[in-house]
Full PDB file with SEQRES, HELIX, SHEET, SSBOND, CRYST1, ORIGX, SCALE, CONECT and MASTER records, all heavy atoms in Angstrom:
SEQRES   1 A   34  VAL VAL GLU ARG ILE SER THR PHE PRO GLY LEU GLU ALA          
SEQRES   2 A   34  SER ALA SER VAL VAL LEU ASP GLN LEU THR VAL ASN GLU          
SEQRES   3 A   34  TYR PRO ARG GLY VAL GLY LEU SER                              
HELIX    1 AA1 VAL A    2  ILE A    5  1                                   4    
CRYST1    1.000    1.000    1.000  90.00  90.00  90.00 P 1           1          
ORIGX1      1.000000  0.000000  0.000000        0.00000                         
ORIGX2      0.000000  1.000000  0.000000        0.00000                         
ORIGX3      0.000000  0.000000  1.000000        0.00000                         
SCALE1      1.000000  0.000000  0.000000        0.00000                         
SCALE2      0.000000  1.000000  0.000000        0.00000                         
SCALE3      0.000000  0.000000  1.000000        0.00000                         
ATOM      1  N   VAL A   1       0.844  -1.214   0.001  1.00  0.00           N  
ATOM      2  CA  VAL A   1      -0.007  -0.004  -0.022  1.00  0.00           C  
ATOM      3  C   VAL A   1       0.911   1.232  -0.010  1.00  0.00           C  
ATOM      4  O   VAL A   1       0.628   2.189  -0.779  1.00  0.00           O  
ATOM      5  CB  VAL A   1      -0.905   0.040   1.198  1.00  0.00           C  
ATOM      6  CG1 VAL A   1      -1.718   1.338   1.317  1.00  0.00           C  
ATOM      7  CG2 VAL A   1      -1.919  -1.171   1.148  1.00  0.00           C  
ATOM      8  N   VAL A   2       1.926   1.266   0.854  1.00  0.00           N  
ATOM      9  CA  VAL A   2       2.826   2.412   0.929  1.00  0.00           C  
ATOM     10  C   VAL A   2       3.534   2.634  -0.393  1.00  0.00           C  
ATOM     11  O   VAL A   2       3.717   3.743  -0.854  1.00  0.00           O  
ATOM     12  CB  VAL A   2       3.810   2.209   2.092  1.00  0.00           C  
ATOM     13  CG1 VAL A   2       4.834   3.318   2.086  1.00  0.00           C  
ATOM     14  CG2 VAL A   2       3.093   2.197   3.406  1.00  0.00           C  
ATOM     15  N   GLU A   3       3.980   1.508  -1.012  1.00  0.00           N  
ATOM     16  CA  GLU A   3       4.637   1.633  -2.305  1.00  0.00           C  
ATOM     17  C   GLU A   3       3.742   2.254  -3.353  1.00  0.00           C  
ATOM     18  O   GLU A   3       4.135   3.086  -4.149  1.00  0.00           O  
ATOM     19  CB  GLU A   3       5.135   0.256  -2.779  1.00  0.00           C  
ATOM     20  CG  GLU A   3       6.288  -0.333  -1.934  1.00  0.00           C  
ATOM     21  CD  GLU A   3       6.675  -1.730  -2.389  1.00  0.00           C  
ATOM     22  OE1 GLU A   3       6.165  -2.166  -3.409  1.00  0.00           O  
ATOM     23  OE2 GLU A   3       7.472  -2.350  -1.661  1.00  0.00           O  
ATOM     24  N   ARG A   4       2.509   1.820  -3.377  1.00  0.00           N  
ATOM     25  CA  ARG A   4       1.543   2.326  -4.365  1.00  0.00           C  
ATOM     26  C   ARG A   4       1.214   3.799  -4.177  1.00  0.00           C  
ATOM     27  O   ARG A   4       0.892   4.500  -5.095  1.00  0.00           O  
ATOM     28  CB  ARG A   4       0.292   1.457  -4.305  1.00  0.00           C  
ATOM     29  CG  ARG A   4      -0.553   1.452  -5.582  1.00  0.00           C  
ATOM     30  CD  ARG A   4      -1.665   0.433  -5.506  1.00  0.00           C  
ATOM     31  NE  ARG A   4      -1.157  -0.870  -5.132  1.00  0.00           N  
ATOM     32  CZ  ARG A   4      -1.861  -1.905  -4.684  1.00  0.00           C  
ATOM     33  NH1 ARG A   4      -3.161  -1.742  -4.506  1.00  0.00           N  
ATOM     34  NH2 ARG A   4      -1.328  -3.075  -4.418  1.00  0.00           N  
ATOM     35  N   ILE A   5       1.290   4.252  -2.906  1.00  0.00           N  
ATOM     36  CA  ILE A   5       0.996   5.664  -2.609  1.00  0.00           C  
ATOM     37  C   ILE A   5       1.868   6.583  -3.382  1.00  0.00           C  
ATOM     38  O   ILE A   5       1.442   7.742  -3.718  1.00  0.00           O  
ATOM     39  CB  ILE A   5       1.055   5.881  -1.084  1.00  0.00           C  
ATOM     40  CG1 ILE A   5      -0.225   5.383  -0.422  1.00  0.00           C  
ATOM     41  CG2 ILE A   5       1.308   7.365  -0.783  1.00  0.00           C  
ATOM     42  CD1 ILE A   5      -0.184   5.470   1.091  1.00  0.00           C  
ATOM     43  N   SER A   6       3.082   6.226  -3.673  1.00  0.00           N  
ATOM     44  CA  SER A   6       4.052   7.101  -4.384  1.00  0.00           C  
ATOM     45  C   SER A   6       3.537   7.531  -5.721  1.00  0.00           C  
ATOM     46  O   SER A   6       4.041   8.552  -6.274  1.00  0.00           O  
ATOM     47  CB  SER A   6       5.415   6.445  -4.463  1.00  0.00           C  
ATOM     48  OG  SER A   6       5.349   5.277  -5.286  1.00  0.00           O  
ATOM     49  N   THR A   7       2.635   6.831  -6.317  1.00  0.00           N  
ATOM     50  CA  THR A   7       2.077   7.197  -7.648  1.00  0.00           C  
ATOM     51  C   THR A   7       0.741   7.923  -7.509  1.00  0.00           C  
ATOM     52  O   THR A   7       0.040   8.089  -8.511  1.00  0.00           O  
ATOM     53  CB  THR A   7       1.902   5.942  -8.503  1.00  0.00           C  
ATOM     54  OG1 THR A   7       0.936   5.066  -7.897  1.00  0.00           O  
ATOM     55  CG2 THR A   7       3.222   5.193  -8.627  1.00  0.00           C  
ATOM     56  N   PHE A   8       0.365   8.336  -6.321  1.00  0.00           N  
ATOM     57  CA  PHE A   8      -0.915   8.929  -6.110  1.00  0.00           C  
ATOM     58  C   PHE A   8      -1.076  10.277  -6.840  1.00  0.00           C  
ATOM     59  O   PHE A   8      -0.124  11.095  -6.773  1.00  0.00           O  
ATOM     60  CB  PHE A   8      -1.140   9.149  -4.603  1.00  0.00           C  
ATOM     61  CG  PHE A   8      -2.586   9.207  -4.158  1.00  0.00           C  
ATOM     62  CD1 PHE A   8      -3.260   8.120  -3.694  1.00  0.00           C  
ATOM     63  CD2 PHE A   8      -3.285  10.414  -4.260  1.00  0.00           C  
ATOM     64  CE1 PHE A   8      -4.602   8.141  -3.312  1.00  0.00           C  
ATOM     65  CE2 PHE A   8      -4.613  10.477  -3.855  1.00  0.00           C  
ATOM     66  CZ  PHE A   8      -5.272   9.327  -3.379  1.00  0.00           C  
ATOM     67  N   PRO A   9      -2.194  10.532  -7.480  1.00  0.00           N  
ATOM     68  CA  PRO A   9      -2.409  11.843  -8.122  1.00  0.00           C  
ATOM     69  C   PRO A   9      -2.328  12.985  -7.126  1.00  0.00           C  
ATOM     70  O   PRO A   9      -2.738  12.806  -5.954  1.00  0.00           O  
ATOM     71  CB  PRO A   9      -3.831  11.756  -8.732  1.00  0.00           C  
ATOM     72  CG  PRO A   9      -4.097  10.272  -8.816  1.00  0.00           C  
ATOM     73  CD  PRO A   9      -3.307   9.639  -7.654  1.00  0.00           C  
ATOM     74  N   GLY A  10      -1.809  14.113  -7.563  1.00  0.00           N  
ATOM     75  CA  GLY A  10      -1.693  15.267  -6.670  1.00  0.00           C  
ATOM     76  C   GLY A  10      -0.325  15.387  -6.055  1.00  0.00           C  
ATOM     77  O   GLY A  10       0.027  16.419  -5.496  1.00  0.00           O  
ATOM     78  N   LEU A  11       0.470  14.358  -6.110  1.00  0.00           N  
ATOM     79  CA  LEU A  11       1.851  14.385  -5.565  1.00  0.00           C  
ATOM     80  C   LEU A  11       2.802  14.844  -6.651  1.00  0.00           C  
ATOM     81  O   LEU A  11       2.649  14.456  -7.811  1.00  0.00           O  
ATOM     82  CB  LEU A  11       2.255  13.032  -5.013  1.00  0.00           C  
ATOM     83  CG  LEU A  11       1.375  12.416  -3.906  1.00  0.00           C  
ATOM     84  CD1 LEU A  11       1.893  11.056  -3.522  1.00  0.00           C  
ATOM     85  CD2 LEU A  11       1.302  13.318  -2.706  1.00  0.00           C  
ATOM     86  N   GLU A  12       3.809  15.587  -6.276  1.00  0.00           N  
ATOM     87  CA  GLU A  12       4.825  15.980  -7.216  1.00  0.00           C  
ATOM     88  C   GLU A  12       5.609  14.771  -7.657  1.00  0.00           C  
ATOM     89  O   GLU A  12       5.926  13.874  -6.817  1.00  0.00           O  
ATOM     90  CB  GLU A  12       5.777  16.998  -6.580  1.00  0.00           C  
ATOM     91  CG  GLU A  12       5.084  18.335  -6.261  1.00  0.00           C  
ATOM     92  CD  GLU A  12       6.084  19.327  -5.671  1.00  0.00           C  
ATOM     93  OE1 GLU A  12       7.320  19.015  -5.676  1.00  0.00           O  
ATOM     94  OE2 GLU A  12       5.633  20.388  -5.183  1.00  0.00           O  
ATOM     95  N   ALA A  13       5.892  14.672  -8.944  1.00  0.00           N  
ATOM     96  CA  ALA A  13       6.531  13.441  -9.480  1.00  0.00           C  
ATOM     97  C   ALA A  13       7.900  13.190  -8.795  1.00  0.00           C  
ATOM     98  O   ALA A  13       8.311  12.063  -8.636  1.00  0.00           O  
ATOM     99  CB  ALA A  13       6.727  13.611 -11.000  1.00  0.00           C  
ATOM    100  N   SER A  14       8.588  14.307  -8.476  1.00  0.00           N  
ATOM    101  CA  SER A  14       9.917  14.117  -7.874  1.00  0.00           C  
ATOM    102  C   SER A  14       9.895  13.934  -6.334  1.00  0.00           C  
ATOM    103  O   SER A  14      10.882  13.693  -5.727  1.00  0.00           O  
ATOM    104  CB  SER A  14      10.772  15.384  -8.215  1.00  0.00           C  
ATOM    105  OG  SER A  14      10.155  16.502  -7.710  1.00  0.00           O  
ATOM    106  N   ALA A  15       8.725  14.128  -5.772  1.00  0.00           N  
ATOM    107  CA  ALA A  15       8.641  14.046  -4.295  1.00  0.00           C  
ATOM    108  C   ALA A  15       8.595  12.599  -3.838  1.00  0.00           C  
ATOM    109  O   ALA A  15       7.872  11.774  -4.377  1.00  0.00           O  
ATOM    110  CB  ALA A  15       7.431  14.792  -3.801  1.00  0.00           C  
ATOM    111  N   SER A  16       9.382  12.299  -2.811  1.00  0.00           N  
ATOM    112  CA  SER A  16       9.364  10.981  -2.198  1.00  0.00           C  
ATOM    113  C   SER A  16       8.410  11.016  -0.980  1.00  0.00           C  
ATOM    114  O   SER A  16       8.498  11.929  -0.192  1.00  0.00           O  
ATOM    115  CB  SER A  16      10.742  10.520  -1.782  1.00  0.00           C  
ATOM    116  OG  SER A  16      11.292  11.436  -0.854  1.00  0.00           O  
ATOM    117  N   VAL A  17       7.522  10.028  -0.928  1.00  0.00           N  
ATOM    118  CA  VAL A  17       6.586   9.972   0.169  1.00  0.00           C  
ATOM    119  C   VAL A  17       7.125   9.136   1.313  1.00  0.00           C  
ATOM    120  O   VAL A  17       7.396   7.938   1.115  1.00  0.00           O  
ATOM    121  CB  VAL A  17       5.208   9.435  -0.310  1.00  0.00           C  
ATOM    122  CG1 VAL A  17       4.248   9.358   0.832  1.00  0.00           C  
ATOM    123  CG2 VAL A  17       4.653  10.255  -1.450  1.00  0.00           C  
ATOM    124  N   VAL A  18       7.364   9.751   2.442  1.00  0.00           N  
ATOM    125  CA  VAL A  18       7.834   9.030   3.600  1.00  0.00           C  
ATOM    126  C   VAL A  18       6.739   9.012   4.658  1.00  0.00           C  
ATOM    127  O   VAL A  18       6.228  10.021   5.051  1.00  0.00           O  
ATOM    128  CB  VAL A  18       9.102   9.739   4.224  1.00  0.00           C  
ATOM    129  CG1 VAL A  18       9.547   9.001   5.440  1.00  0.00           C  
ATOM    130  CG2 VAL A  18      10.213   9.824   3.158  1.00  0.00           C  
ATOM    131  N   LEU A  19       6.364   7.794   5.078  1.00  0.00           N  
ATOM    132  CA  LEU A  19       5.314   7.596   6.053  1.00  0.00           C  
ATOM    133  C   LEU A  19       5.794   6.730   7.158  1.00  0.00           C  
ATOM    134  O   LEU A  19       6.450   5.709   6.883  1.00  0.00           O  
ATOM    135  CB  LEU A  19       4.083   6.978   5.371  1.00  0.00           C  
ATOM    136  CG  LEU A  19       3.438   7.750   4.209  1.00  0.00           C  
ATOM    137  CD1 LEU A  19       2.458   6.894   3.460  1.00  0.00           C  
ATOM    138  CD2 LEU A  19       2.804   9.044   4.723  1.00  0.00           C  
ATOM    139  N   ASP A  20       5.577   7.118   8.412  1.00  0.00           N  
ATOM    140  CA  ASP A  20       6.101   6.328   9.536  1.00  0.00           C  
ATOM    141  C   ASP A  20       5.104   6.088  10.629  1.00  0.00           C  
ATOM    142  O   ASP A  20       5.480   5.610  11.710  1.00  0.00           O  
ATOM    143  CB  ASP A  20       7.355   6.958  10.088  1.00  0.00           C  
ATOM    144  CG  ASP A  20       7.128   8.425  10.569  1.00  0.00           C  
ATOM    145  OD1 ASP A  20       5.951   8.856  10.664  1.00  0.00           O  
ATOM    146  OD2 ASP A  20       8.147   9.098  10.893  1.00  0.00           O  
ATOM    147  N   GLN A  21       3.845   6.459  10.409  1.00  0.00           N  
ATOM    148  CA  GLN A  21       2.828   6.197  11.456  1.00  0.00           C  
ATOM    149  C   GLN A  21       1.549   5.702  10.829  1.00  0.00           C  
ATOM    150  O   GLN A  21       1.078   6.237   9.816  1.00  0.00           O  
ATOM    151  CB  GLN A  21       2.569   7.550  12.224  1.00  0.00           C  
ATOM    152  CG  GLN A  21       1.865   7.395  13.559  1.00  0.00           C  
ATOM    153  CD  GLN A  21       0.322   7.319  13.471  1.00  0.00           C  
ATOM    154  OE1 GLN A  21      -0.258   7.834  12.544  1.00  0.00           O  
ATOM    155  NE2 GLN A  21      -0.306   6.623  14.449  1.00  0.00           N  
ATOM    156  N   LEU A  22       0.993   4.668  11.425  1.00  0.00           N  
ATOM    157  CA  LEU A  22      -0.248   4.088  10.934  1.00  0.00           C  
ATOM    158  C   LEU A  22      -1.224   3.899  12.104  1.00  0.00           C  
ATOM    159  O   LEU A  22      -0.878   3.340  13.163  1.00  0.00           O  
ATOM    160  CB  LEU A  22       0.040   2.692  10.310  1.00  0.00           C  
ATOM    161  CG  LEU A  22      -1.176   1.799  10.072  1.00  0.00           C  
ATOM    162  CD1 LEU A  22      -2.165   2.376   9.010  1.00  0.00           C  
ATOM    163  CD2 LEU A  22      -0.740   0.370   9.633  1.00  0.00           C  
ATOM    164  N   THR A  23      -2.409   4.413  11.901  1.00  0.00           N  
ATOM    165  CA  THR A  23      -3.508   4.169  12.874  1.00  0.00           C  
ATOM    166  C   THR A  23      -4.617   3.390  12.140  1.00  0.00           C  
ATOM    167  O   THR A  23      -5.060   3.801  11.119  1.00  0.00           O  
ATOM    168  CB  THR A  23      -4.096   5.467  13.479  1.00  0.00           C  
ATOM    169  OG1 THR A  23      -3.067   6.073  14.254  1.00  0.00           O  
ATOM    170  CG2 THR A  23      -5.271   5.168  14.344  1.00  0.00           C  
ATOM    171  N   VAL A  24      -5.009   2.253  12.741  1.00  0.00           N  
ATOM    172  CA  VAL A  24      -6.074   1.443  12.161  1.00  0.00           C  
ATOM    173  C   VAL A  24      -7.292   1.652  13.050  1.00  0.00           C  
ATOM    174  O   VAL A  24      -7.244   1.459  14.306  1.00  0.00           O  
ATOM    175  CB  VAL A  24      -5.728  -0.030  12.093  1.00  0.00           C  
ATOM    176  CG1 VAL A  24      -6.875  -0.869  11.511  1.00  0.00           C  
ATOM    177  CG2 VAL A  24      -4.449  -0.251  11.281  1.00  0.00           C  
ATOM    178  N   ASN A  25      -8.429   2.115  12.513  1.00  0.00           N  
ATOM    179  CA  ASN A  25      -9.655   2.339  13.247  1.00  0.00           C  
ATOM    180  C   ASN A  25     -10.703   1.327  12.782  1.00  0.00           C  
ATOM    181  O   ASN A  25     -10.863   1.183  11.537  1.00  0.00           O  
ATOM    182  CB  ASN A  25     -10.159   3.753  13.022  1.00  0.00           C  
ATOM    183  CG  ASN A  25      -9.427   4.755  13.851  1.00  0.00           C  
ATOM    184  OD1 ASN A  25      -9.668   4.935  15.065  1.00  0.00           O  
ATOM    185  ND2 ASN A  25      -8.526   5.517  13.215  1.00  0.00           N  
ATOM    186  N   GLU A  26     -11.408   0.719  13.696  1.00  0.00           N  
ATOM    187  CA  GLU A  26     -12.564  -0.107  13.354  1.00  0.00           C  
ATOM    188  C   GLU A  26     -13.807   0.583  13.893  1.00  0.00           C  
ATOM    189  O   GLU A  26     -14.006   0.772  15.058  1.00  0.00           O  
ATOM    190  CB  GLU A  26     -12.480  -1.478  13.959  1.00  0.00           C  
ATOM    191  CG  GLU A  26     -13.641  -2.380  13.598  1.00  0.00           C  
ATOM    192  CD  GLU A  26     -13.741  -3.611  14.422  1.00  0.00           C  
ATOM    193  OE1 GLU A  26     -13.806  -3.497  15.671  1.00  0.00           O  
ATOM    194  OE2 GLU A  26     -13.721  -4.731  13.849  1.00  0.00           O  
ATOM    195  N   TYR A  27     -14.713   0.924  12.922  1.00  0.00           N  
ATOM    196  CA  TYR A  27     -15.977   1.636  13.296  1.00  0.00           C  
ATOM    197  C   TYR A  27     -17.136   0.652  13.174  1.00  0.00           C  
ATOM    198  O   TYR A  27     -17.389   0.181  12.051  1.00  0.00           O  
ATOM    199  CB  TYR A  27     -16.203   2.805  12.364  1.00  0.00           C  
ATOM    200  CG  TYR A  27     -15.125   3.869  12.334  1.00  0.00           C  
ATOM    201  CD1 TYR A  27     -14.072   3.778  11.490  1.00  0.00           C  
ATOM    202  CD2 TYR A  27     -15.248   4.974  13.173  1.00  0.00           C  
ATOM    203  CE1 TYR A  27     -13.125   4.748  11.467  1.00  0.00           C  
ATOM    204  CE2 TYR A  27     -14.286   5.937  13.144  1.00  0.00           C  
ATOM    205  CZ  TYR A  27     -13.215   5.843  12.305  1.00  0.00           C  
ATOM    206  OH  TYR A  27     -12.237   6.808  12.265  1.00  0.00           O  
ATOM    207  N   PRO A  28     -17.838   0.315  14.252  1.00  0.00           N  
ATOM    208  CA  PRO A  28     -19.093  -0.474  14.110  1.00  0.00           C  
ATOM    209  C   PRO A  28     -20.102   0.361  13.407  1.00  0.00           C  
ATOM    210  O   PRO A  28     -19.999   1.608  13.290  1.00  0.00           O  
ATOM    211  CB  PRO A  28     -19.460  -0.755  15.594  1.00  0.00           C  
ATOM    212  CG  PRO A  28     -18.232  -0.486  16.411  1.00  0.00           C  
ATOM    213  CD  PRO A  28     -17.493   0.564  15.646  1.00  0.00           C  
ATOM    214  N   ARG A  29     -21.190  -0.303  12.915  1.00  0.00           N  
ATOM    215  CA  ARG A  29     -22.233   0.403  12.187  1.00  0.00           C  
ATOM    216  C   ARG A  29     -22.822   1.490  13.119  1.00  0.00           C  
ATOM    217  O   ARG A  29     -23.141   1.291  14.268  1.00  0.00           O  
ATOM    218  CB  ARG A  29     -23.348  -0.569  11.778  1.00  0.00           C  
ATOM    219  CG  ARG A  29     -24.492   0.155  11.064  1.00  0.00           C  
ATOM    220  CD  ARG A  29     -25.590  -0.835  10.664  1.00  0.00           C  
ATOM    221  NE  ARG A  29     -25.199  -1.625   9.553  1.00  0.00           N  
ATOM    222  CZ  ARG A  29     -25.304  -2.945   9.503  1.00  0.00           C  
ATOM    223  NH1 ARG A  29     -25.818  -3.589  10.558  1.00  0.00           N  
ATOM    224  NH2 ARG A  29     -24.934  -3.606   8.459  1.00  0.00           N  
ATOM    225  N   GLY A  30     -22.931   2.692  12.538  1.00  0.00           N  
ATOM    226  CA  GLY A  30     -23.537   3.823  13.281  1.00  0.00           C  
ATOM    227  C   GLY A  30     -22.538   4.682  14.037  1.00  0.00           C  
ATOM    228  O   GLY A  30     -22.862   5.797  14.471  1.00  0.00           O  
ATOM    229  N   VAL A  31     -21.266   4.208  14.121  1.00  0.00           N  
ATOM    230  CA  VAL A  31     -20.234   4.991  14.821  1.00  0.00           C  
ATOM    231  C   VAL A  31     -19.466   5.877  13.817  1.00  0.00           C  
ATOM    232  O   VAL A  31     -19.048   5.339  12.768  1.00  0.00           O  
ATOM    233  CB  VAL A  31     -19.299   4.105  15.608  1.00  0.00           C  
ATOM    234  CG1 VAL A  31     -18.113   4.898  16.203  1.00  0.00           C  
ATOM    235  CG2 VAL A  31     -20.031   3.357  16.668  1.00  0.00           C  
ATOM    236  N   GLY A  32     -19.275   7.111  14.136  1.00  0.00           N  
ATOM    237  CA  GLY A  32     -18.534   8.020  13.244  1.00  0.00           C  
ATOM    238  C   GLY A  32     -17.280   8.549  13.891  1.00  0.00           C  
ATOM    239  O   GLY A  32     -16.660   7.937  14.770  1.00  0.00           O  
ATOM    240  N   LEU A  33     -16.887   9.761  13.473  1.00  0.00           N  
ATOM    241  CA  LEU A  33     -15.718  10.387  13.936  1.00  0.00           C  
ATOM    242  C   LEU A  33     -16.031  11.892  14.162  1.00  0.00           C  
ATOM    243  O   LEU A  33     -16.639  12.534  13.357  1.00  0.00           O  
ATOM    244  CB  LEU A  33     -14.604  10.264  12.861  1.00  0.00           C  
ATOM    245  CG  LEU A  33     -13.238  10.814  13.184  1.00  0.00           C  
ATOM    246  CD1 LEU A  33     -12.568   9.979  14.301  1.00  0.00           C  
ATOM    247  CD2 LEU A  33     -12.328  10.701  11.920  1.00  0.00           C  
ATOM    248  N   SER A  34     -15.603  12.425  15.309  1.00  0.00           N  
ATOM    249  CA  SER A  34     -15.857  13.831  15.646  1.00  0.00           C  
ATOM    250  C   SER A  34     -15.097  14.771  14.775  1.00  0.00           C  
ATOM    251  O   SER A  34     -13.986  14.449  14.319  1.00  0.00           O  
ATOM    252  CB  SER A  34     -15.535  14.055  17.111  1.00  0.00           C  
ATOM    253  OG  SER A  34     -16.337  13.254  17.965  1.00  0.00           O  
TER     254      SER A  34                                                      
MASTER        0    0    0    1    0    0    0    6  253    1    0    3          
END                                                                             
């Protein structure tokens, strides 16, 4: 997933995407985000 992100539209072609934090959220039905 991280490798594929480097080709994401809107990113500068020469820019390298460095990501070092991942949060996984599980939302039951009806639960949202403030």
